[in-house]
Protein backbone atom coordinates (compact mmCIF):
# COMPACT_ATOMS: atom_id res chain seq x y z
CA MET A 1 -68.92 -26.09 -11.92
CA ARG A 2 -66.90 -22.90 -12.11
CA LYS A 3 -68.98 -20.13 -13.62
CA ALA A 4 -67.76 -16.56 -13.41
CA LEU A 5 -70.58 -14.40 -12.10
CA PHE A 6 -69.66 -11.60 -14.44
CA HIS A 7 -68.44 -11.88 -18.03
CA PRO A 8 -64.67 -11.11 -18.01
CA VAL A 9 -65.01 -8.13 -20.35
CA ILE A 10 -67.84 -6.68 -18.29
CA ALA A 11 -65.84 -7.24 -15.13
CA LEU A 12 -62.89 -5.35 -16.64
CA ILE A 13 -65.12 -2.49 -17.70
CA THR A 14 -66.72 -2.39 -14.25
CA LEU A 15 -63.31 -2.28 -12.57
CA THR A 16 -62.22 0.54 -14.88
CA VAL A 17 -65.36 2.52 -14.10
CA LEU A 18 -64.87 2.05 -10.37
CA VAL A 19 -61.32 3.36 -10.62
CA CYS A 20 -62.25 6.26 -12.87
CA THR A 21 -65.15 7.34 -10.67
CA ALA A 22 -63.26 7.25 -7.36
CA GLY A 23 -64.25 10.24 -5.27
CA CYS A 24 -67.82 10.38 -6.58
CA GLY A 25 -70.74 8.97 -4.59
CA THR A 26 -69.47 5.79 -2.99
CA GLY A 27 -66.04 5.98 -4.58
CA ALA A 28 -62.85 6.62 -2.60
CA THR A 29 -61.65 10.18 -2.14
CA ALA A 30 -58.23 11.16 -3.42
CA GLN A 31 -57.25 12.63 -0.03
CA ALA A 32 -58.80 9.90 2.14
CA SER A 33 -57.31 9.52 5.60
CA PRO A 34 -56.24 6.15 6.97
CA ILE A 35 -59.01 4.38 8.90
CA ARG A 36 -58.59 2.80 12.32
CA PHE A 37 -61.77 0.88 13.13
CA GLY A 38 -60.41 -0.04 16.56
CA GLY A 39 -58.44 3.10 17.36
CA PRO A 40 -58.85 6.78 18.23
CA GLN A 41 -59.65 7.82 14.65
CA ALA A 42 -62.71 5.60 14.57
CA GLY A 43 -64.91 8.04 16.45
CA ALA A 44 -66.13 8.70 19.98
CA ALA A 45 -68.03 5.40 20.16
CA LEU A 46 -64.73 3.51 20.31
CA HIS A 47 -63.29 5.43 23.28
CA ALA A 48 -65.20 3.45 25.89
CA MET A 49 -63.40 1.24 28.39
CA PRO A 50 -63.05 -2.45 27.47
CA PRO A 51 -65.74 -4.66 29.04
CA GLY A 52 -65.17 -6.97 31.99
CA LYS A 53 -63.83 -10.49 31.78
CA ARG A 54 -67.29 -12.06 31.83
CA SER A 55 -68.47 -10.05 28.86
CA LEU A 56 -68.98 -11.68 25.46
CA VAL A 57 -67.26 -8.70 23.85
CA GLN A 58 -63.87 -9.29 22.24
CA TRP A 59 -62.10 -5.94 22.38
CA PRO A 60 -59.70 -5.06 19.52
CA THR A 61 -56.26 -6.42 20.33
CA ARG A 62 -53.93 -4.98 17.66
CA PRO A 63 -55.70 -2.33 15.58
CA ILE A 64 -53.96 -1.18 12.42
CA SER A 65 -54.64 1.53 9.87
CA PHE A 66 -56.62 0.65 6.73
CA ASP A 67 -56.62 2.60 3.50
CA GLU A 68 -60.00 3.98 2.52
CA GLU A 69 -61.36 2.13 -0.50
CA SER A 70 -64.77 3.78 -0.77
CA ARG A 71 -67.78 5.06 1.17
CA VAL A 72 -71.19 3.41 1.51
CA GLY A 73 -74.09 5.70 0.69
CA GLY A 74 -77.81 5.52 1.38
CA ALA A 75 -78.60 3.68 4.60
CA GLY A 76 -74.84 3.14 4.98
CA ARG A 77 -74.59 6.78 6.06
CA ASN A 78 -71.22 7.41 4.42
CA THR A 79 -69.44 4.69 6.40
CA PRO A 80 -66.04 3.69 5.01
CA ILE A 81 -64.81 0.47 3.44
CA GLY A 82 -61.16 -0.01 4.31
CA VAL A 83 -58.53 -2.20 2.68
CA THR A 84 -55.23 -3.66 3.80
CA THR A 85 -52.71 -6.24 2.66
CA LEU A 86 -52.67 -9.07 5.17
CA HIS A 87 -49.60 -11.25 5.65
CA GLY A 88 -51.30 -14.31 7.16
CA PRO A 89 -49.17 -15.53 10.07
CA LYS A 90 -50.83 -18.95 10.12
CA SER A 91 -51.22 -19.60 6.40
CA GLY A 92 -48.15 -17.78 5.14
CA PHE A 93 -50.33 -16.32 2.37
CA THR A 94 -50.41 -12.60 1.58
CA GLY A 95 -53.50 -10.99 0.07
CA LYS A 96 -55.88 -8.05 0.10
CA VAL A 97 -58.71 -7.81 2.63
CA TRP A 98 -61.53 -5.23 2.64
CA VAL A 99 -63.58 -4.46 5.76
CA TRP A 100 -66.72 -2.48 6.61
CA ALA A 101 -68.54 -1.73 9.85
CA PRO A 102 -72.26 -0.82 9.86
CA PRO A 103 -73.47 2.61 10.99
CA GLU A 104 -74.60 1.17 14.34
CA TYR A 105 -71.00 0.29 15.14
CA TYR A 106 -70.11 3.98 15.50
CA GLU A 107 -73.07 4.99 17.68
CA LYS A 108 -72.34 5.95 21.29
CA ARG A 109 -75.13 3.73 22.59
CA ASN A 110 -73.21 0.75 21.19
CA ALA A 111 -69.78 1.80 22.45
CA ASN A 112 -69.38 -1.28 24.68
CA LYS A 113 -71.02 -3.76 22.32
CA GLY A 114 -69.43 -6.44 20.17
CA PHE A 115 -70.89 -7.05 16.71
CA PRO A 116 -71.54 -10.13 14.56
CA VAL A 117 -69.28 -10.72 11.57
CA MET A 118 -69.94 -11.92 8.03
CA GLU A 119 -67.07 -13.04 5.82
CA ALA A 120 -68.17 -12.44 2.20
CA LEU A 121 -66.47 -14.43 -0.56
CA PRO A 122 -66.79 -13.69 -4.30
CA GLY A 123 -67.29 -16.09 -7.17
CA SER A 124 -65.00 -16.79 -10.09
CA TYR A 125 -61.33 -16.37 -9.14
CA GLY A 126 -61.98 -13.56 -6.65
CA PHE A 127 -58.59 -12.05 -7.46
CA PRO A 128 -57.18 -9.40 -7.43
CA ARG A 129 -60.38 -7.88 -6.04
CA ASN A 130 -63.39 -9.07 -4.09
CA TYR A 131 -66.45 -7.83 -5.99
CA TRP A 132 -68.61 -7.47 -2.86
CA ILE A 133 -66.96 -4.08 -2.32
CA GLY A 134 -68.54 -2.83 -5.54
CA SER A 135 -71.08 -0.02 -5.38
CA ASP A 136 -73.05 -1.72 -8.19
CA LEU A 137 -74.06 -4.68 -5.96
CA LYS A 138 -74.67 -2.45 -2.91
CA LEU A 139 -74.21 -5.31 -0.44
CA GLU A 140 -73.20 -3.01 2.41
CA GLU A 141 -75.87 -0.44 1.64
CA ASN A 142 -78.51 -3.17 1.58
CA LEU A 143 -77.25 -4.72 4.82
CA ALA A 144 -77.49 -1.30 6.46
CA GLN A 145 -81.06 -0.89 5.20
CA TRP A 146 -82.09 -4.40 6.30
CA SER A 147 -80.63 -3.72 9.73
CA ARG A 148 -82.57 -0.46 9.93
CA ASN A 149 -85.87 -2.15 9.09
CA GLY A 150 -85.25 -5.07 11.44
CA SER A 151 -84.77 -7.85 8.90
CA SER A 152 -81.04 -8.32 9.58
CA LEU A 153 -78.49 -7.92 12.32
CA PRO A 154 -75.90 -5.17 11.77
CA PHE A 155 -72.93 -7.15 10.49
CA ILE A 156 -69.29 -6.23 10.25
CA VAL A 157 -68.37 -7.43 6.75
CA VAL A 158 -64.90 -8.71 5.84
CA MET A 159 -64.10 -9.38 2.18
CA PRO A 160 -60.82 -11.18 1.42
CA VAL A 161 -59.50 -12.25 -1.96
CA LEU A 162 -60.56 -15.85 -2.63
CA ASN A 163 -57.61 -17.21 -4.61
CA PRO A 164 -53.91 -16.28 -4.89
CA ASP A 165 -54.16 -15.72 -8.65
CA ASP A 166 -56.64 -15.62 -11.53
CA LYS A 167 -55.51 -18.88 -13.14
CA GLN A 168 -56.61 -21.63 -10.73
CA TYR A 169 -59.30 -22.39 -8.17
CA TYR A 170 -58.02 -23.52 -4.77
CA ASP A 171 -61.44 -24.58 -3.39
CA GLY A 172 -60.93 -22.38 -0.33
CA SER A 173 -58.68 -25.16 0.98
CA ASP A 174 -55.16 -26.11 1.99
CA ILE A 175 -54.13 -28.11 -1.07
CA PRO A 176 -50.74 -29.80 -0.47
CA GLY A 177 -47.88 -27.82 -1.97
CA ARG A 178 -50.10 -24.77 -2.62
CA PRO A 179 -50.89 -21.57 -0.70
CA LYS A 180 -52.95 -22.43 2.39
CA ILE A 181 -56.14 -20.67 1.37
CA GLY A 182 -58.25 -22.71 3.81
CA THR A 183 -56.19 -21.49 6.76
CA TRP A 184 -56.22 -17.97 5.31
CA LEU A 185 -60.04 -17.88 5.17
CA SER A 186 -60.80 -19.72 8.42
CA GLN A 187 -58.08 -18.34 10.71
CA ASP A 188 -56.03 -15.41 9.41
CA VAL A 189 -58.95 -13.34 8.12
CA PRO A 190 -61.11 -13.83 11.26
CA ASP A 191 -58.06 -12.99 13.40
CA LEU A 192 -57.64 -9.73 11.48
CA VAL A 193 -61.24 -8.81 12.31
CA ARG A 194 -60.79 -9.67 16.00
CA GLN A 195 -57.67 -7.52 16.15
CA ASN A 196 -59.42 -4.48 14.70
CA PHE A 197 -63.10 -4.56 15.68
CA ARG A 198 -65.33 -5.12 18.69
CA THR A 199 -66.52 -8.65 18.01
CA LEU A 200 -68.01 -11.42 20.18
CA LYS A 201 -66.40 -14.42 21.86
CA THR A 202 -68.88 -16.91 20.46
CA ARG A 203 -69.35 -18.85 17.23
CA ASP A 204 -72.95 -17.61 17.32
CA ALA A 205 -71.71 -14.29 15.95
CA TRP A 206 -69.77 -15.58 12.93
CA ALA A 207 -71.12 -16.27 9.44
CA VAL A 208 -69.54 -16.79 6.03
CA MET A 209 -71.25 -16.03 2.73
CA GLY A 210 -70.10 -16.73 -0.81
CA SER A 211 -71.15 -17.19 -4.41
CA SER A 212 -70.35 -20.04 -6.81
CA SER A 213 -66.77 -21.06 -5.95
CA GLY A 214 -67.01 -18.73 -2.96
CA GLY A 215 -70.27 -20.47 -2.06
CA PHE A 216 -68.43 -23.77 -1.99
CA ALA A 217 -65.79 -22.25 0.30
CA ALA A 218 -68.52 -20.90 2.60
CA LEU A 219 -70.30 -24.26 2.77
CA LYS A 220 -67.08 -26.18 3.35
CA ASN A 221 -65.65 -23.85 5.99
CA VAL A 222 -68.75 -23.92 8.19
CA LEU A 223 -68.89 -27.72 8.11
CA GLN A 224 -65.12 -27.98 8.59
CA HIS A 225 -64.82 -25.29 11.28
CA PRO A 226 -68.12 -25.24 13.22
CA ASP A 227 -66.15 -24.02 16.24
CA THR A 228 -65.51 -20.77 14.35
CA PHE A 229 -68.56 -20.31 12.10
CA LYS A 230 -72.17 -21.08 12.92
CA VAL A 231 -73.85 -19.94 9.69
CA ALA A 232 -73.13 -20.15 5.97
CA ILE A 233 -74.91 -18.53 3.04
CA PRO A 234 -73.85 -20.67 0.05
CA ASN A 235 -75.06 -18.92 -3.12
CA GLY A 236 -75.25 -21.11 -6.23
CA PRO A 237 -72.48 -23.23 -4.72
CA ASP A 238 -70.45 -26.13 -5.95
CA ILE A 239 -71.10 -29.08 -3.64
CA VAL A 240 -67.88 -31.07 -3.98
CA PRO A 241 -64.24 -30.06 -4.55
CA ASP A 242 -63.31 -29.87 -8.23
CA SER A 243 -60.02 -28.01 -8.46
CA PRO A 244 -57.54 -29.81 -10.75
CA LEU A 245 -54.89 -29.00 -8.13
CA TRP A 246 -56.22 -31.90 -6.03
CA ASN A 247 -54.75 -34.39 -8.52
CA GLY A 248 -52.59 -36.82 -6.55
CA HIS A 249 -54.11 -35.74 -3.23
CA ALA A 250 -57.29 -37.83 -2.95
CA LYS A 251 -57.12 -38.15 0.84
CA GLU A 252 -56.80 -34.38 1.36
CA GLU A 253 -59.53 -33.75 -1.21
CA ARG A 254 -61.88 -35.99 0.76
CA GLU A 255 -61.06 -34.07 3.95
CA ASN A 256 -62.37 -30.93 2.22
CA ASN A 257 -65.55 -32.44 0.75
CA PRO A 258 -68.73 -30.90 2.25
CA GLU A 259 -70.61 -34.20 1.89
CA VAL A 260 -67.99 -36.00 3.97
CA LEU A 261 -67.83 -33.15 6.48
CA ALA A 262 -71.62 -33.07 6.84
CA ARG A 263 -71.78 -36.82 7.53
CA ARG A 264 -69.10 -36.49 10.19
CA LEU A 265 -70.83 -33.57 11.87
CA MET A 266 -74.10 -35.51 11.92
CA ALA A 267 -72.37 -38.62 13.33
CA ARG A 268 -70.95 -36.73 16.28
CA GLY A 269 -74.15 -34.77 16.89
CA GLY A 270 -73.00 -31.23 16.29
CA PRO A 271 -72.40 -28.48 17.04
CA PRO A 272 -75.40 -27.22 15.07
CA VAL A 273 -74.77 -25.27 11.90
CA TYR A 274 -77.19 -23.31 9.73
CA LEU A 275 -76.89 -23.38 5.94
CA ALA A 276 -78.94 -20.75 4.10
CA PHE A 277 -78.68 -21.86 0.47
CA GLN A 278 -79.65 -19.41 -2.27
CA ASP A 279 -80.23 -20.10 -5.95
CA GLY A 280 -81.91 -18.45 -8.88
CA SER A 281 -84.85 -20.31 -10.35
CA GLN A 282 -82.98 -20.48 -13.68
CA GLU A 283 -79.91 -22.23 -12.25
CA ASN A 284 -80.73 -25.53 -13.88
CA THR A 285 -77.32 -27.07 -13.26
CA VAL A 286 -76.72 -25.96 -9.67
CA LEU A 287 -80.19 -26.16 -8.14
CA PRO A 288 -80.72 -29.95 -8.43
CA LYS A 289 -77.38 -30.57 -6.68
CA VAL A 290 -78.31 -28.21 -3.86
CA ARG A 291 -81.68 -29.90 -3.41
CA GLN A 292 -79.96 -33.29 -3.29
CA PHE A 293 -77.50 -32.10 -0.64
CA ILE A 294 -80.33 -30.74 1.50
CA ALA A 295 -82.31 -33.98 1.19
CA ARG A 296 -79.33 -36.09 2.24
CA TYR A 297 -77.74 -33.97 4.93
CA GLY A 298 -80.27 -31.35 6.01
CA HIS A 299 -81.26 -32.90 9.33
CA GLY A 300 -79.88 -33.43 12.82
CA PRO A 301 -77.31 -30.71 13.58
CA VAL A 302 -77.25 -29.58 9.94
CA HIS A 303 -80.08 -27.06 9.57
CA THR A 304 -80.85 -25.92 6.04
CA ARG A 305 -82.99 -23.43 4.19
CA LEU A 306 -83.30 -22.80 0.45
CA GLN A 307 -84.15 -19.36 -0.93
CA ILE A 308 -85.11 -19.59 -4.60
CA VAL A 309 -85.12 -16.21 -6.34
CA PRO A 310 -87.83 -16.11 -9.06
CA GLY A 311 -86.25 -15.48 -12.46
CA GLY A 312 -82.84 -15.44 -10.81
CA THR A 313 -79.62 -16.48 -12.54
CA HIS A 314 -76.14 -17.54 -11.42
CA SER A 315 -75.25 -13.97 -10.44
CA ALA A 316 -74.30 -11.93 -7.41
CA ALA A 317 -77.21 -9.55 -8.03
CA THR A 318 -79.63 -12.49 -7.74
CA TYR A 319 -78.15 -13.47 -4.39
CA VAL A 320 -78.32 -9.96 -2.93
CA GLN A 321 -81.99 -9.95 -3.91
CA GLY A 322 -82.53 -13.26 -2.13
CA MET A 323 -80.81 -12.01 0.99
CA GLY A 324 -83.36 -9.25 1.22
CA GLU A 325 -86.30 -11.56 0.50
CA GLY A 326 -85.87 -13.74 3.56
CA THR A 327 -82.38 -15.15 3.90
CA MET A 328 -80.99 -12.45 6.20
CA ARG A 329 -84.02 -12.62 8.50
CA TRP A 330 -83.56 -16.40 8.88
CA VAL A 331 -79.81 -16.11 9.35
CA SER A 332 -80.14 -13.34 11.91
CA ALA A 333 -82.66 -15.33 13.93
CA HIS A 334 -79.97 -17.96 14.57
CA MET A 335 -77.13 -15.58 15.44
CA GLN A 336 -76.02 -13.37 18.31
CA GLY A 337 -76.69 -9.68 17.80
CA PRO A 338 -74.69 -6.75 19.22
CA THR A 339 -74.06 -7.48 22.87
CA ALA A 340 -72.44 -5.62 25.75
């Protein structure tokens, strides 16, 4: 099932409003300076010496300058969201990536600490923008507030485009003869974060979250790459691949099927992964499939949880609500927090 989480007309209006209101509140300023999250412009907290070899901290390796997209208000304390165009060296794909670091990242007391990372994937086509940067959903502001009240770890959030165009779904995968979106999401985007932020040298500090088609990509990537990601938050996800671009590639489609990947992970005994499913109570098409997946595969190394949002629909706003109602606390309990 491929439902857009926002009606196309509404999405266009929302995009227009965001552009027109840049410079106000959480919008970008016209004279914004380039941002270097891993360099001297990032503030005094980033001037500390790199940790020793035995540390879990992965120090930034090749920091670049990001353009300022917007600022996060409220509990986000005016922290910037940056954007860059990434030419993926492993996938060969070129696309936009937005990044945000929580307020704790800039504090002097955390100068030698690496932080956990969440890759956030949108629904629908997720092109040319990733809607998790939007001030209407307030994902970053909410994450900052949840971190402040102790119900979430302070995550670095990276938000890449999901597809190379707005005409086809690529199932977050390397479909033969098509742009290698699977490699883009699982290798190039995480590498960009490692190059620019203080992260951690452990899978325990990496999560991927997504909605609808992005939820499928989150589910698939954790099961396919448990050496990279430990946790997924699949929101209203598809359960099996359904892009028409798989036609003629049945073997490769099977290799990207979460049901097949879950069985294989269970057969070899791990490593353990944690799947925090979220659905609105009104998602009558999606919810039964999620329940069936949990019943079949939610045991052994595949740990699952289902957050049902009362009155919730197939929408990003529903999933942000669910994250605050228990999902982020459960996810954070199974991940590595900021560590020196």
